[in-house]
Amino acid sequence: MTAGPGLRKLLLTVHVTASVGWVGAILTYLAINVVALTSNDAAQARGAYQLLEPVLQYVIAPMAVTSLITGIVMGLVTRWGLLRHRWVATSLWLTTLAVALLFVHMSTEVADLAAAAADPATNLATDPATERADLPNTIAGLLLVAIPLVLNIYKPRGLTRRGRRHQNGATTPLRSATA
């Protein structure tokens, strides 16, 4: 099953928008982290810490999920296939990992960070939850998301075992020989 050019372009547009939006949202999240860590104004720092959770929940997470879903659909309906090329398989694996880690992270550390900042009794300078804000995780997440982005732009050569079988004429359960 392959998509026509109109559907492929629509999927590509949504996928690129979500992927680049995801990177932009992570950069925004990074900037909020820097404000939280460097502000001399306790109210501004508390506000920044509390802003992290909704940015993650309402901007980063939807962009991440949209990027993952559209990437899977594009792999299924384009000539690249989902598991034929190493760069596609690696991109899928890393994006899935990034989304999974994002949701684990959202439900634990970021919720604790926002709760600590919301409590006026919390001393932001000494509380372990706010010691580094969310900076290390944000930088790691940005790097994790950047790798598939680079792979999707450069598309390095190399077929997977499945791709070599398909190229040699063997059909696969997910795709017909006419795809």
N, C-alpha and C. Protein backbone atom coordinates (compact mmCIF):
# COMPACT_ATOMS: atom_id res chain seq x y z
N MET A 1 0.84 -1.17 0.00
CA MET A 1 0.00 0.00 0.00
C MET A 1 0.89 1.24 0.00
N THR A 2 0.76 2.07 -1.01
CA THR A 2 1.49 3.33 -1.04
C THR A 2 0.51 4.47 -1.20
N ALA A 3 0.87 5.59 -0.66
CA ALA A 3 0.01 6.78 -0.72
C ALA A 3 0.31 7.56 -1.99
N GLY A 4 -0.68 8.27 -2.47
CA GLY A 4 -0.49 9.15 -3.61
C GLY A 4 0.32 10.37 -3.20
N PRO A 5 0.73 11.17 -4.18
CA PRO A 5 1.58 12.32 -3.88
C PRO A 5 0.92 13.34 -2.96
N GLY A 6 -0.38 13.55 -3.09
CA GLY A 6 -1.06 14.53 -2.23
C GLY A 6 -1.04 14.12 -0.77
N LEU A 7 -1.34 12.85 -0.52
CA LEU A 7 -1.33 12.35 0.86
C LEU A 7 0.09 12.34 1.42
N ARG A 8 1.07 11.93 0.60
CA ARG A 8 2.46 11.92 1.06
C ARG A 8 2.90 13.33 1.46
N LYS A 9 2.56 14.32 0.65
CA LYS A 9 2.96 15.69 0.97
C LYS A 9 2.26 16.20 2.23
N LEU A 10 1.00 15.85 2.40
CA LEU A 10 0.28 16.23 3.61
C LEU A 10 0.92 15.59 4.84
N LEU A 11 1.19 14.30 4.77
CA LEU A 11 1.84 13.60 5.89
C LEU A 11 3.21 14.19 6.18
N LEU A 12 3.98 14.46 5.13
CA LEU A 12 5.31 15.03 5.31
C LEU A 12 5.22 16.41 5.96
N THR A 13 4.25 17.21 5.54
CA THR A 13 4.07 18.55 6.12
C THR A 13 3.75 18.46 7.61
N VAL A 14 2.83 17.58 7.96
CA VAL A 14 2.46 17.43 9.38
C VAL A 14 3.64 16.87 10.16
N HIS A 15 4.35 15.91 9.58
CA HIS A 15 5.48 15.29 10.28
C HIS A 15 6.61 16.30 10.51
N VAL A 16 6.97 17.05 9.49
CA VAL A 16 8.04 18.03 9.64
C VAL A 16 7.63 19.13 10.63
N THR A 17 6.39 19.59 10.52
CA THR A 17 5.90 20.61 11.45
C THR A 17 5.97 20.12 12.89
N ALA A 18 5.50 18.91 13.13
CA ALA A 18 5.53 18.36 14.49
C ALA A 18 6.96 18.14 14.98
N SER A 19 7.81 17.63 14.11
CA SER A 19 9.19 17.35 14.52
C SER A 19 9.97 18.63 14.83
N VAL A 20 9.84 19.61 13.95
CA VAL A 20 10.53 20.88 14.19
C VAL A 20 9.89 21.61 15.38
N GLY A 21 8.57 21.50 15.49
CA GLY A 21 7.87 22.07 16.65
C GLY A 21 8.34 21.44 17.95
N TRP A 22 8.59 20.14 17.91
CA TRP A 22 9.08 19.42 19.09
C TRP A 22 10.43 19.98 19.50
N VAL A 23 11.32 20.17 18.54
CA VAL A 23 12.65 20.74 18.84
C VAL A 23 12.49 22.16 19.39
N GLY A 24 11.66 22.96 18.75
CA GLY A 24 11.43 24.33 19.23
C GLY A 24 10.85 24.37 20.63
N ALA A 25 9.94 23.46 20.91
CA ALA A 25 9.34 23.41 22.25
C ALA A 25 10.38 22.99 23.29
N ILE A 26 11.26 22.08 22.92
CA ILE A 26 12.34 21.68 23.85
C ILE A 26 13.26 22.87 24.11
N LEU A 27 13.57 23.64 23.08
CA LEU A 27 14.41 24.83 23.27
C LEU A 27 13.72 25.85 24.18
N THR A 28 12.41 25.99 24.03
CA THR A 28 11.65 26.88 24.92
C THR A 28 11.72 26.37 26.36
N TYR A 29 11.53 25.07 26.51
CA TYR A 29 11.61 24.44 27.82
C TYR A 29 13.00 24.65 28.44
N LEU A 30 14.03 24.55 27.60
CA LEU A 30 15.40 24.80 28.05
C LEU A 30 15.56 26.23 28.54
N ALA A 31 15.00 27.18 27.81
CA ALA A 31 15.09 28.59 28.21
C ALA A 31 14.38 28.82 29.55
N ILE A 32 13.23 28.18 29.74
CA ILE A 32 12.51 28.32 31.01
C ILE A 32 13.33 27.73 32.15
N ASN A 33 14.01 26.62 31.88
CA ASN A 33 14.90 26.03 32.89
C ASN A 33 16.01 26.99 33.28
N VAL A 34 16.60 27.65 32.30
CA VAL A 34 17.68 28.59 32.58
C VAL A 34 17.17 29.75 33.43
N VAL A 35 15.97 30.25 33.10
CA VAL A 35 15.37 31.33 33.91
C VAL A 35 15.16 30.85 35.34
N ALA A 36 14.63 29.63 35.50
CA ALA A 36 14.37 29.10 36.84
C ALA A 36 15.66 28.98 37.65
N LEU A 37 16.73 28.58 37.00
CA LEU A 37 18.00 28.38 37.70
C LEU A 37 18.75 29.66 37.99
N THR A 38 18.61 30.65 37.14
CA THR A 38 19.46 31.84 37.26
C THR A 38 18.75 33.06 37.84
N SER A 39 17.45 33.00 37.99
CA SER A 39 16.72 34.17 38.47
C SER A 39 17.04 34.47 39.93
N ASN A 40 17.23 35.75 40.22
CA ASN A 40 17.42 36.19 41.60
C ASN A 40 16.09 36.51 42.26
N ASP A 41 15.03 36.52 41.47
CA ASP A 41 13.68 36.81 41.95
C ASP A 41 12.98 35.48 42.24
N ALA A 42 12.67 35.23 43.51
CA ALA A 42 12.07 33.95 43.91
C ALA A 42 10.72 33.72 43.23
N ALA A 43 9.92 34.78 43.08
CA ALA A 43 8.60 34.63 42.42
C ALA A 43 8.78 34.24 40.96
N GLN A 44 9.76 34.84 40.28
CA GLN A 44 10.00 34.51 38.88
C GLN A 44 10.51 33.06 38.76
N ALA A 45 11.38 32.65 39.65
CA ALA A 45 11.88 31.28 39.63
C ALA A 45 10.75 30.29 39.88
N ARG A 46 9.90 30.57 40.87
CA ARG A 46 8.75 29.69 41.14
C ARG A 46 7.84 29.60 39.91
N GLY A 47 7.58 30.74 39.29
CA GLY A 47 6.73 30.75 38.10
C GLY A 47 7.34 29.94 36.97
N ALA A 48 8.64 30.07 36.79
CA ALA A 48 9.33 29.32 35.73
C ALA A 48 9.24 27.82 36.00
N TYR A 49 9.50 27.41 37.24
CA TYR A 49 9.40 25.99 37.58
C TYR A 49 7.99 25.47 37.33
N GLN A 50 7.00 26.26 37.70
CA GLN A 50 5.61 25.84 37.52
C GLN A 50 5.21 25.83 36.04
N LEU A 51 5.84 26.63 35.22
CA LEU A 51 5.55 26.68 33.79
C LEU A 51 6.07 25.44 33.06
N LEU A 52 7.07 24.79 33.60
CA LEU A 52 7.66 23.63 32.94
C LEU A 52 6.63 22.53 32.68
N GLU A 53 5.80 22.26 33.67
CA GLU A 53 4.84 21.16 33.54
C GLU A 53 3.82 21.40 32.42
N PRO A 54 3.15 22.56 32.34
CA PRO A 54 2.21 22.74 31.23
C PRO A 54 2.87 22.80 29.86
N VAL A 55 4.08 23.34 29.76
CA VAL A 55 4.77 23.35 28.47
C VAL A 55 5.04 21.92 28.03
N LEU A 56 5.47 21.11 28.96
CA LEU A 56 5.73 19.71 28.66
C LEU A 56 4.45 18.97 28.28
N GLN A 57 3.41 19.21 29.05
CA GLN A 57 2.15 18.49 28.88
C GLN A 57 1.37 18.93 27.65
N TYR A 58 1.33 20.22 27.36
CA TYR A 58 0.45 20.73 26.32
C TYR A 58 1.16 21.14 25.02
N VAL A 59 2.48 21.17 25.03
CA VAL A 59 3.20 21.53 23.81
C VAL A 59 4.15 20.40 23.40
N ILE A 60 5.08 20.04 24.27
CA ILE A 60 6.09 19.06 23.91
C ILE A 60 5.47 17.68 23.67
N ALA A 61 4.66 17.21 24.59
CA ALA A 61 4.08 15.86 24.44
C ALA A 61 3.22 15.72 23.17
N PRO A 62 2.32 16.66 22.87
CA PRO A 62 1.55 16.51 21.62
C PRO A 62 2.43 16.53 20.37
N MET A 63 3.45 17.38 20.36
CA MET A 63 4.36 17.42 19.21
C MET A 63 5.10 16.10 19.08
N ALA A 64 5.55 15.54 20.19
CA ALA A 64 6.28 14.28 20.18
C ALA A 64 5.41 13.13 19.66
N VAL A 65 4.21 13.04 20.17
CA VAL A 65 3.30 11.97 19.75
C VAL A 65 2.93 12.12 18.28
N THR A 66 2.66 13.34 17.85
CA THR A 66 2.33 13.60 16.45
C THR A 66 3.49 13.23 15.55
N SER A 67 4.69 13.58 15.95
CA SER A 67 5.88 13.24 15.18
C SER A 67 6.04 11.72 15.05
N LEU A 68 5.85 11.01 16.15
CA LEU A 68 5.98 9.55 16.14
C LEU A 68 4.92 8.92 15.25
N ILE A 69 3.67 9.31 15.42
CA ILE A 69 2.57 8.71 14.65
C ILE A 69 2.71 9.00 13.16
N THR A 70 2.98 10.24 12.81
CA THR A 70 3.12 10.55 11.38
C THR A 70 4.35 9.88 10.77
N GLY A 71 5.39 9.73 11.56
CA GLY A 71 6.57 9.01 11.07
C GLY A 71 6.26 7.55 10.78
N ILE A 72 5.50 6.92 11.64
CA ILE A 72 5.10 5.52 11.43
C ILE A 72 4.22 5.41 10.19
N VAL A 73 3.23 6.29 10.08
CA VAL A 73 2.34 6.24 8.92
C VAL A 73 3.12 6.47 7.63
N MET A 74 4.02 7.44 7.64
CA MET A 74 4.82 7.70 6.44
C MET A 74 5.68 6.49 6.08
N GLY A 75 6.23 5.83 7.07
CA GLY A 75 7.01 4.63 6.80
C GLY A 75 6.18 3.53 6.18
N LEU A 76 4.93 3.44 6.57
CA LEU A 76 4.05 2.39 6.05
C LEU A 76 3.53 2.69 4.64
N VAL A 77 3.42 3.97 4.26
CA VAL A 77 2.78 4.30 2.98
C VAL A 77 3.73 4.93 1.96
N THR A 78 5.03 4.91 2.24
CA THR A 78 5.99 5.45 1.26
C THR A 78 6.98 4.37 0.86
N ARG A 79 7.80 4.68 -0.13
CA ARG A 79 8.77 3.71 -0.63
C ARG A 79 9.85 3.39 0.39
N TRP A 80 10.01 4.23 1.41
CA TRP A 80 11.06 4.00 2.40
C TRP A 80 10.73 2.80 3.27
N GLY A 81 9.47 2.52 3.47
CA GLY A 81 9.09 1.41 4.35
C GLY A 81 9.37 1.77 5.80
N LEU A 82 8.89 0.95 6.68
CA LEU A 82 9.07 1.22 8.11
C LEU A 82 10.36 0.60 8.64
N LEU A 83 10.71 -0.56 8.13
CA LEU A 83 11.89 -1.26 8.65
C LEU A 83 12.84 -1.72 7.54
N ARG A 84 12.82 -1.06 6.39
CA ARG A 84 13.69 -1.45 5.28
C ARG A 84 15.06 -0.79 5.35
N HIS A 85 15.11 0.45 5.74
CA HIS A 85 16.35 1.21 5.75
C HIS A 85 16.80 1.44 7.19
N ARG A 86 18.10 1.34 7.39
CA ARG A 86 18.63 1.50 8.76
C ARG A 86 18.28 2.86 9.34
N TRP A 87 18.36 3.93 8.53
CA TRP A 87 18.08 5.26 9.06
C TRP A 87 16.63 5.39 9.51
N VAL A 88 15.70 4.73 8.81
CA VAL A 88 14.29 4.78 9.20
C VAL A 88 14.08 3.99 10.48
N ALA A 89 14.66 2.79 10.53
CA ALA A 89 14.51 1.95 11.73
C ALA A 89 15.14 2.62 12.95
N THR A 90 16.31 3.21 12.76
CA THR A 90 16.98 3.90 13.87
C THR A 90 16.17 5.11 14.32
N SER A 91 15.68 5.86 13.35
CA SER A 91 14.86 7.03 13.66
C SER A 91 13.59 6.61 14.43
N LEU A 92 12.96 5.54 13.98
CA LEU A 92 11.76 5.04 14.66
C LEU A 92 12.08 4.62 16.09
N TRP A 93 13.17 3.88 16.24
CA TRP A 93 13.55 3.40 17.57
C TRP A 93 13.85 4.57 18.51
N LEU A 94 14.65 5.53 18.04
CA LEU A 94 15.02 6.67 18.89
C LEU A 94 13.82 7.56 19.22
N THR A 95 12.94 7.77 18.25
CA THR A 95 11.75 8.59 18.49
C THR A 95 10.83 7.90 19.49
N THR A 96 10.65 6.59 19.34
CA THR A 96 9.83 5.83 20.29
C THR A 96 10.43 5.91 21.69
N LEU A 97 11.74 5.76 21.78
CA LEU A 97 12.44 5.87 23.07
C LEU A 97 12.25 7.26 23.67
N ALA A 98 12.41 8.29 22.85
CA ALA A 98 12.26 9.67 23.33
C ALA A 98 10.85 9.92 23.86
N VAL A 99 9.84 9.43 23.14
CA VAL A 99 8.46 9.62 23.58
C VAL A 99 8.20 8.86 24.88
N ALA A 100 8.68 7.64 24.96
CA ALA A 100 8.50 6.84 26.19
C ALA A 100 9.17 7.52 27.38
N LEU A 101 10.42 7.95 27.20
CA LEU A 101 11.13 8.63 28.29
C LEU A 101 10.43 9.94 28.67
N LEU A 102 9.89 10.63 27.70
CA LEU A 102 9.17 11.87 27.95
C LEU A 102 7.99 11.63 28.88
N PHE A 103 7.21 10.59 28.60
CA PHE A 103 6.03 10.33 29.44
C PHE A 103 6.40 9.83 30.82
N VAL A 104 7.46 9.06 30.94
CA VAL A 104 7.94 8.64 32.26
C VAL A 104 8.41 9.87 33.04
N HIS A 105 9.16 10.71 32.37
CA HIS A 105 9.70 11.92 32.99
C HIS A 105 8.59 12.88 33.43
N MET A 106 7.58 13.02 32.58
CA MET A 106 6.45 13.91 32.91
C MET A 106 5.74 13.48 34.18
N SER A 107 5.56 12.18 34.33
CA SER A 107 4.77 11.69 35.45
C SER A 107 5.54 11.64 36.76
N THR A 108 6.86 11.83 36.70
CA THR A 108 7.63 11.74 37.94
C THR A 108 8.31 13.06 38.26
N GLU A 109 9.45 13.31 37.66
CA GLU A 109 10.30 14.43 38.06
C GLU A 109 9.67 15.80 37.84
N VAL A 110 9.03 16.01 36.70
CA VAL A 110 8.51 17.34 36.41
C VAL A 110 7.33 17.67 37.31
N ALA A 111 6.49 16.69 37.60
CA ALA A 111 5.37 16.90 38.51
C ALA A 111 5.90 17.25 39.91
N ASP A 112 6.95 16.56 40.35
CA ASP A 112 7.55 16.85 41.66
C ASP A 112 8.17 18.25 41.69
N LEU A 113 8.81 18.63 40.61
CA LEU A 113 9.44 19.94 40.50
C LEU A 113 8.39 21.05 40.58
N ALA A 114 7.30 20.89 39.84
CA ALA A 114 6.23 21.89 39.86
C ALA A 114 5.57 21.96 41.24
N ALA A 115 5.37 20.81 41.87
CA ALA A 115 4.76 20.79 43.20
C ALA A 115 5.66 21.48 44.23
N ALA A 116 6.96 21.24 44.14
CA ALA A 116 7.90 21.89 45.07
C ALA A 116 7.87 23.40 44.88
N ALA A 117 7.82 23.84 43.63
CA ALA A 117 7.82 25.28 43.35
C ALA A 117 6.50 25.93 43.78
N ALA A 118 5.42 25.18 43.74
CA ALA A 118 4.11 25.73 44.12
C ALA A 118 3.97 25.90 45.63
N ASP A 119 4.76 25.18 46.39
CA ASP A 119 4.69 25.25 47.85
C ASP A 119 5.52 26.45 48.34
N PRO A 120 4.86 27.47 48.90
CA PRO A 120 5.60 28.64 49.34
C PRO A 120 6.62 28.34 50.45
N ALA A 121 6.47 27.23 51.13
CA ALA A 121 7.40 26.86 52.21
C ALA A 121 8.70 26.28 51.66
N THR A 122 8.71 25.92 50.38
CA THR A 122 9.91 25.33 49.79
C THR A 122 10.96 26.39 49.55
N ASN A 123 12.17 26.11 50.02
CA ASN A 123 13.30 26.99 49.74
C ASN A 123 13.91 26.51 48.42
N LEU A 124 13.69 27.28 47.37
CA LEU A 124 14.14 26.87 46.04
C LEU A 124 15.65 26.70 45.95
N ALA A 125 16.38 27.44 46.73
CA ALA A 125 17.84 27.38 46.67
C ALA A 125 18.39 26.08 47.27
N THR A 126 17.66 25.47 48.20
CA THR A 126 18.19 24.28 48.86
C THR A 126 17.40 23.01 48.59
N ASP A 127 16.22 23.12 47.98
CA ASP A 127 15.40 21.94 47.74
C ASP A 127 16.04 21.06 46.66
N PRO A 128 16.19 19.75 46.93
CA PRO A 128 16.83 18.87 45.93
C PRO A 128 16.07 18.82 44.60
N ALA A 129 14.76 18.99 44.64
CA ALA A 129 13.96 18.93 43.40
C ALA A 129 14.30 20.08 42.46
N THR A 130 14.71 21.22 43.03
CA THR A 130 14.98 22.39 42.20
C THR A 130 16.47 22.69 42.03
N GLU A 131 17.30 21.80 42.53
CA GLU A 131 18.74 22.04 42.50
C GLU A 131 19.30 22.28 41.09
N ARG A 132 18.91 21.45 40.15
CA ARG A 132 19.39 21.59 38.77
C ARG A 132 18.25 21.91 37.82
N ALA A 133 17.09 22.20 38.38
CA ALA A 133 15.87 22.35 37.59
C ALA A 133 15.74 21.06 36.77
N ASP A 134 15.47 21.18 35.51
CA ASP A 134 15.32 20.01 34.66
C ASP A 134 16.33 20.09 33.51
N LEU A 135 17.41 20.81 33.75
CA LEU A 135 18.38 21.10 32.70
C LEU A 135 19.06 19.87 32.10
N PRO A 136 19.62 18.95 32.88
CA PRO A 136 20.29 17.79 32.27
C PRO A 136 19.35 16.95 31.41
N ASN A 137 18.14 16.72 31.92
CA ASN A 137 17.17 15.93 31.15
C ASN A 137 16.77 16.64 29.87
N THR A 138 16.65 17.96 29.93
CA THR A 138 16.26 18.73 28.76
C THR A 138 17.34 18.66 27.69
N ILE A 139 18.58 18.80 28.08
CA ILE A 139 19.69 18.74 27.12
C ILE A 139 19.78 17.33 26.53
N ALA A 140 19.64 16.32 27.35
CA ALA A 140 19.66 14.93 26.85
C ALA A 140 18.50 14.69 25.88
N GLY A 141 17.33 15.19 26.23
CA GLY A 141 16.17 15.04 25.34
C GLY A 141 16.37 15.74 24.01
N LEU A 142 16.96 16.91 24.04
CA LEU A 142 17.22 17.66 22.81
C LEU A 142 18.18 16.88 21.91
N LEU A 143 19.22 16.32 22.50
CA LEU A 143 20.17 15.52 21.72
C LEU A 143 19.51 14.25 21.16
N LEU A 144 18.67 13.62 21.96
CA LEU A 144 17.98 12.41 21.52
C LEU A 144 17.04 12.69 20.35
N VAL A 145 16.40 13.83 20.37
CA VAL A 145 15.48 14.20 19.29
C VAL A 145 16.24 14.70 18.06
N ALA A 146 17.42 15.27 18.26
CA ALA A 146 18.20 15.79 17.13
C ALA A 146 18.75 14.68 16.24
N ILE A 147 19.06 13.53 16.80
CA ILE A 147 19.64 12.44 16.00
C ILE A 147 18.68 11.97 14.91
N PRO A 148 17.41 11.65 15.23
CA PRO A 148 16.49 11.27 14.15
C PRO A 148 16.28 12.40 13.14
N LEU A 149 16.29 13.63 13.62
CA LEU A 149 16.12 14.76 12.71
C LEU A 149 17.25 14.78 11.67
N VAL A 150 18.47 14.59 12.12
CA VAL A 150 19.62 14.55 11.21
C VAL A 150 19.51 13.34 10.28
N LEU A 151 19.16 12.18 10.82
CA LEU A 151 19.01 10.98 9.99
C LEU A 151 17.95 11.19 8.91
N ASN A 152 16.85 11.83 9.26
CA ASN A 152 15.76 12.04 8.31
C ASN A 152 16.14 13.03 7.22
N ILE A 153 17.06 13.91 7.48
CA ILE A 153 17.51 14.87 6.47
C ILE A 153 18.56 14.23 5.56
N TYR A 154 19.55 13.56 6.13
CA TYR A 154 20.66 13.02 5.34
C TYR A 154 20.38 11.64 4.74
N LYS A 155 19.48 10.87 5.35
CA LYS A 155 19.11 9.54 4.87
C LYS A 155 20.33 8.69 4.47
N PRO A 156 21.19 8.36 5.42
CA PRO A 156 22.37 7.56 5.08
C PRO A 156 21.97 6.20 4.50
N ARG A 157 22.79 5.72 3.61
CA ARG A 157 22.49 4.44 2.94
C ARG A 157 22.61 3.29 3.92
N GLY A 158 22.01 2.19 3.54
CA GLY A 158 22.10 0.97 4.32
C GLY A 158 20.73 0.37 4.53
N LEU A 159 20.58 -0.86 4.07
CA LEU A 159 19.32 -1.57 4.23
C LEU A 159 19.39 -2.47 5.46
N THR A 160 18.25 -2.70 6.05
CA THR A 160 18.15 -3.69 7.12
C THR A 160 18.08 -5.06 6.47
N ARG A 161 18.12 -6.09 7.24
CA ARG A 161 17.97 -7.45 6.72
C ARG A 161 16.63 -7.58 5.98
N ARG A 162 15.61 -7.02 6.56
CA ARG A 162 14.28 -7.03 5.96
C ARG A 162 14.31 -6.28 4.62
N GLY A 163 15.00 -5.15 4.57
CA GLY A 163 15.10 -4.37 3.35
C GLY A 163 15.84 -5.11 2.25
N ARG A 164 16.88 -5.85 2.62
CA ARG A 164 17.62 -6.64 1.63
C ARG A 164 16.74 -7.76 1.08
N ARG A 165 15.95 -8.40 1.94
CA ARG A 165 15.03 -9.45 1.47
C ARG A 165 14.02 -8.85 0.50
N HIS A 166 13.48 -7.68 0.85
CA HIS A 166 12.49 -7.03 -0.02
C HIS A 166 13.12 -6.64 -1.35
N GLN A 167 14.34 -6.16 -1.32
CA GLN A 167 15.03 -5.76 -2.54
C GLN A 167 15.31 -6.96 -3.44
N ASN A 168 15.52 -8.11 -2.83
CA ASN A 168 15.80 -9.33 -3.60
C ASN A 168 14.52 -10.03 -4.08
N GLY A 169 13.37 -9.39 -3.85
CA GLY A 169 12.12 -9.92 -4.39
C GLY A 169 11.25 -10.66 -3.40
N ALA A 170 11.72 -10.89 -2.21
CA ALA A 170 10.88 -11.57 -1.22
C ALA A 170 9.86 -10.57 -0.69
N THR A 171 8.64 -11.04 -0.46
CA THR A 171 7.62 -10.16 0.09
C THR A 171 7.66 -10.23 1.60
N THR A 172 7.14 -9.22 2.23
CA THR A 172 7.09 -9.16 3.69
C THR A 172 5.64 -9.08 4.11
N PRO A 173 5.32 -9.51 5.32
CA PRO A 173 3.92 -9.48 5.76
C PRO A 173 3.32 -8.08 5.79
N LEU A 174 4.12 -7.04 6.05
CA LEU A 174 3.56 -5.70 6.17
C LEU A 174 3.34 -5.03 4.82
N ARG A 175 4.06 -5.44 3.80
CA ARG A 175 4.00 -4.78 2.51
C ARG A 175 3.92 -5.81 1.40
N SER A 176 3.13 -5.55 0.41
CA SER A 176 3.04 -6.48 -0.71
C SER A 176 4.20 -6.26 -1.67
N ALA A 177 4.42 -7.19 -2.57
CA ALA A 177 5.50 -7.08 -3.54
C ALA A 177 5.26 -5.95 -4.52
N THR A 178 4.03 -5.48 -4.65
CA THR A 178 3.73 -4.38 -5.58
C THR A 178 3.92 -3.01 -4.97
N ALA A 179 4.22 -2.96 -3.67
CA ALA A 179 4.36 -1.65 -3.00
C ALA A 179 5.60 -0.93 -3.42
